[in-house]
N, C-alpha and C. Protein backbone atom coordinates (compact mmCIF):
# COMPACT_ATOMS: atom_id res chain seq x y z
N MET A 1 0.85 -1.19 0.00
CA MET A 1 0.00 0.00 0.00
C MET A 1 0.89 1.24 0.00
N GLU A 2 0.68 2.11 -0.98
CA GLU A 2 1.48 3.32 -1.10
C GLU A 2 0.70 4.50 -0.55
N THR A 3 1.36 5.27 0.31
CA THR A 3 0.72 6.46 0.86
C THR A 3 1.44 7.69 0.35
N SER A 4 0.70 8.77 0.18
CA SER A 4 1.28 10.02 -0.28
C SER A 4 1.31 10.99 0.90
N ARG A 5 2.48 11.54 1.14
CA ARG A 5 2.62 12.51 2.21
C ARG A 5 2.58 13.92 1.62
N PRO A 6 2.21 14.92 2.40
CA PRO A 6 2.10 16.29 1.87
C PRO A 6 3.40 16.77 1.21
N LEU A 7 4.55 16.51 1.81
CA LEU A 7 5.79 16.97 1.22
C LEU A 7 6.10 16.24 -0.09
N ASP A 8 5.64 14.98 -0.22
CA ASP A 8 5.80 14.26 -1.49
C ASP A 8 5.00 14.95 -2.59
N SER A 9 3.78 15.34 -2.28
CA SER A 9 2.94 16.05 -3.25
C SER A 9 3.57 17.38 -3.63
N LEU A 10 4.10 18.09 -2.67
CA LEU A 10 4.77 19.36 -2.94
C LEU A 10 6.00 19.15 -3.81
N ASN A 11 6.74 18.08 -3.54
CA ASN A 11 7.94 17.78 -4.32
C ASN A 11 7.60 17.51 -5.79
N GLN A 12 6.43 16.92 -6.05
CA GLN A 12 6.00 16.66 -7.42
C GLN A 12 5.70 17.97 -8.16
N SER A 13 5.47 19.04 -7.44
CA SER A 13 5.19 20.35 -8.05
C SER A 13 6.45 21.17 -8.28
N ARG A 14 7.60 20.66 -7.86
CA ARG A 14 8.86 21.39 -8.06
C ARG A 14 9.11 21.57 -9.56
N GLY A 15 9.42 22.79 -9.96
CA GLY A 15 9.65 23.11 -11.37
C GLY A 15 8.38 23.43 -12.13
N LYS A 16 7.24 23.42 -11.43
CA LYS A 16 5.94 23.72 -12.05
C LYS A 16 5.35 24.98 -11.42
N ARG A 17 4.37 25.56 -12.12
CA ARG A 17 3.70 26.76 -11.60
C ARG A 17 2.75 26.38 -10.48
N VAL A 18 2.78 27.16 -9.41
CA VAL A 18 1.88 26.96 -8.28
C VAL A 18 1.26 28.30 -7.89
N LEU A 19 0.09 28.21 -7.30
CA LEU A 19 -0.59 29.37 -6.73
C LEU A 19 -0.45 29.27 -5.23
N ILE A 20 -0.01 30.35 -4.60
CA ILE A 20 0.13 30.39 -3.14
C ILE A 20 -0.73 31.52 -2.60
N GLU A 21 -1.55 31.19 -1.60
CA GLU A 21 -2.35 32.22 -0.94
C GLU A 21 -1.87 32.35 0.49
N LEU A 22 -1.73 33.60 0.93
CA LEU A 22 -1.23 33.89 2.27
C LEU A 22 -2.37 34.22 3.23
N LYS A 23 -2.06 34.20 4.50
CA LYS A 23 -3.04 34.52 5.54
C LYS A 23 -3.63 35.92 5.37
N ASN A 24 -2.84 36.85 4.82
CA ASN A 24 -3.31 38.22 4.65
C ASN A 24 -4.13 38.40 3.37
N GLY A 25 -4.38 37.29 2.63
CA GLY A 25 -5.20 37.35 1.43
C GLY A 25 -4.43 37.55 0.14
N LYS A 26 -3.14 37.84 0.22
CA LYS A 26 -2.35 38.03 -0.99
C LYS A 26 -2.17 36.70 -1.70
N GLN A 27 -2.08 36.76 -3.03
CA GLN A 27 -1.87 35.57 -3.84
C GLN A 27 -0.66 35.78 -4.73
N PHE A 28 0.11 34.71 -4.87
CA PHE A 28 1.29 34.72 -5.73
C PHE A 28 1.28 33.49 -6.61
N VAL A 29 1.69 33.67 -7.86
CA VAL A 29 1.84 32.56 -8.79
C VAL A 29 3.28 32.57 -9.25
N GLY A 30 3.91 31.39 -9.26
CA GLY A 30 5.28 31.30 -9.71
C GLY A 30 5.71 29.85 -9.85
N ILE A 31 6.93 29.67 -10.30
CA ILE A 31 7.49 28.34 -10.48
C ILE A 31 8.18 27.93 -9.19
N LEU A 32 7.73 26.82 -8.61
CA LEU A 32 8.28 26.34 -7.34
C LEU A 32 9.69 25.82 -7.57
N GLN A 33 10.67 26.44 -6.94
CA GLN A 33 12.06 26.03 -7.08
C GLN A 33 12.52 25.17 -5.91
N ALA A 34 12.13 25.55 -4.69
CA ALA A 34 12.61 24.83 -3.50
C ALA A 34 11.66 25.07 -2.34
N PHE A 35 11.74 24.16 -1.35
CA PHE A 35 10.98 24.30 -0.12
C PHE A 35 11.69 23.49 0.96
N ASP A 36 11.32 23.75 2.22
CA ASP A 36 11.91 22.98 3.32
C ASP A 36 10.79 22.40 4.18
N ILE A 37 11.16 21.78 5.29
CA ILE A 37 10.17 21.11 6.13
C ILE A 37 9.19 22.08 6.78
N HIS A 38 9.53 23.37 6.80
CA HIS A 38 8.64 24.39 7.37
C HIS A 38 7.75 24.99 6.28
N ILE A 39 7.84 24.48 5.08
CA ILE A 39 7.12 24.95 3.89
C ILE A 39 7.50 26.38 3.52
N ASN A 40 8.70 26.82 3.93
CA ASN A 40 9.26 28.03 3.35
C ASN A 40 9.51 27.69 1.89
N VAL A 41 9.13 28.58 0.97
CA VAL A 41 9.26 28.26 -0.44
C VAL A 41 10.03 29.35 -1.19
N VAL A 42 10.68 28.93 -2.26
CA VAL A 42 11.33 29.84 -3.19
C VAL A 42 10.63 29.68 -4.53
N LEU A 43 10.15 30.80 -5.09
CA LEU A 43 9.46 30.81 -6.37
C LEU A 43 10.22 31.68 -7.36
N ASP A 44 10.23 31.28 -8.63
CA ASP A 44 10.77 32.10 -9.72
C ASP A 44 9.62 32.61 -10.56
N GLU A 45 9.88 33.67 -11.32
CA GLU A 45 8.88 34.27 -12.21
C GLU A 45 7.58 34.57 -11.47
N VAL A 46 7.72 35.18 -10.30
CA VAL A 46 6.58 35.41 -9.41
C VAL A 46 5.73 36.58 -9.90
N GLU A 47 4.42 36.37 -9.85
CA GLU A 47 3.46 37.42 -10.12
C GLU A 47 2.54 37.55 -8.92
N GLU A 48 2.35 38.77 -8.44
CA GLU A 48 1.40 39.01 -7.35
C GLU A 48 0.04 39.30 -7.97
N LEU A 49 -0.98 38.61 -7.45
CA LEU A 49 -2.33 38.79 -7.96
C LEU A 49 -3.18 39.53 -6.94
N GLU A 50 -4.10 40.33 -7.47
CA GLU A 50 -5.08 41.01 -6.62
C GLU A 50 -6.44 40.86 -7.29
N ASN A 51 -7.37 40.19 -6.62
CA ASN A 51 -8.69 39.89 -7.20
C ASN A 51 -8.55 39.12 -8.51
N GLY A 52 -7.57 38.23 -8.57
CA GLY A 52 -7.36 37.41 -9.76
C GLY A 52 -6.66 38.11 -10.91
N GLU A 53 -6.34 39.39 -10.74
CA GLU A 53 -5.69 40.18 -11.79
C GLU A 53 -4.22 40.42 -11.42
N LEU A 54 -3.37 40.49 -12.42
CA LEU A 54 -1.94 40.75 -12.19
C LEU A 54 -1.75 42.13 -11.59
N LYS A 55 -1.08 42.17 -10.43
CA LYS A 55 -0.80 43.45 -9.77
C LYS A 55 0.62 43.89 -10.11
N ARG A 56 1.59 42.95 -9.97
CA ARG A 56 2.98 43.26 -10.31
C ARG A 56 3.78 41.98 -10.45
N LYS A 57 4.91 42.10 -11.14
CA LYS A 57 5.83 40.98 -11.32
C LYS A 57 7.01 41.18 -10.38
N LEU A 58 7.41 40.10 -9.70
CA LEU A 58 8.43 40.22 -8.67
C LEU A 58 9.74 39.50 -8.99
N GLY A 59 9.78 38.63 -9.95
CA GLY A 59 10.99 37.86 -10.22
C GLY A 59 11.08 36.67 -9.28
N THR A 60 12.15 36.59 -8.49
CA THR A 60 12.34 35.51 -7.53
C THR A 60 11.90 35.98 -6.15
N ALA A 61 11.21 35.08 -5.41
CA ALA A 61 10.73 35.46 -4.08
C ALA A 61 10.85 34.29 -3.12
N PHE A 62 11.12 34.61 -1.87
CA PHE A 62 11.10 33.65 -0.76
C PHE A 62 9.85 33.95 0.05
N ILE A 63 9.05 32.93 0.30
CA ILE A 63 7.82 33.12 1.08
C ILE A 63 7.91 32.25 2.33
N ARG A 64 7.75 32.87 3.46
CA ARG A 64 7.85 32.17 4.74
C ARG A 64 6.66 31.23 4.93
N GLY A 65 6.93 30.01 5.31
CA GLY A 65 5.92 28.96 5.40
C GLY A 65 4.78 29.25 6.35
N ASP A 66 5.04 29.93 7.46
CA ASP A 66 3.95 30.13 8.43
C ASP A 66 2.96 31.21 8.00
N THR A 67 3.20 31.84 6.84
CA THR A 67 2.24 32.80 6.29
C THR A 67 1.34 32.17 5.23
N ILE A 68 1.65 30.94 4.81
CA ILE A 68 0.94 30.29 3.71
C ILE A 68 -0.27 29.51 4.24
N ILE A 69 -1.41 29.68 3.54
CA ILE A 69 -2.58 28.86 3.88
C ILE A 69 -2.90 27.86 2.76
N ILE A 70 -2.55 28.20 1.51
CA ILE A 70 -2.84 27.31 0.38
C ILE A 70 -1.67 27.29 -0.59
N ILE A 71 -1.32 26.09 -1.04
CA ILE A 71 -0.41 25.92 -2.18
C ILE A 71 -1.15 25.01 -3.16
N SER A 72 -1.38 25.51 -4.37
CA SER A 72 -2.13 24.75 -5.35
C SER A 72 -1.39 24.70 -6.67
N PRO A 73 -1.17 23.49 -7.23
CA PRO A 73 -0.57 23.40 -8.56
C PRO A 73 -1.52 24.01 -9.58
N GLN A 74 -0.97 24.62 -10.62
CA GLN A 74 -1.83 25.24 -11.65
C GLN A 74 -1.96 24.34 -12.84
């Protein structure tokens, strides 16, 4: 019986675009480059979204894991 752990699922998204939503309501879309056991993440080609619309492009960003409520593959 094979079980999938949350970090395994996140690892499968490495190199792919993900949507991240923060506790403060901000949303970011970017290519997942790296993460650690605290779910701190590094994204490339980051775009900040506001109400689903592009607000600004950020390039590379580090997002602290304890601010994240959702990580979703796109």
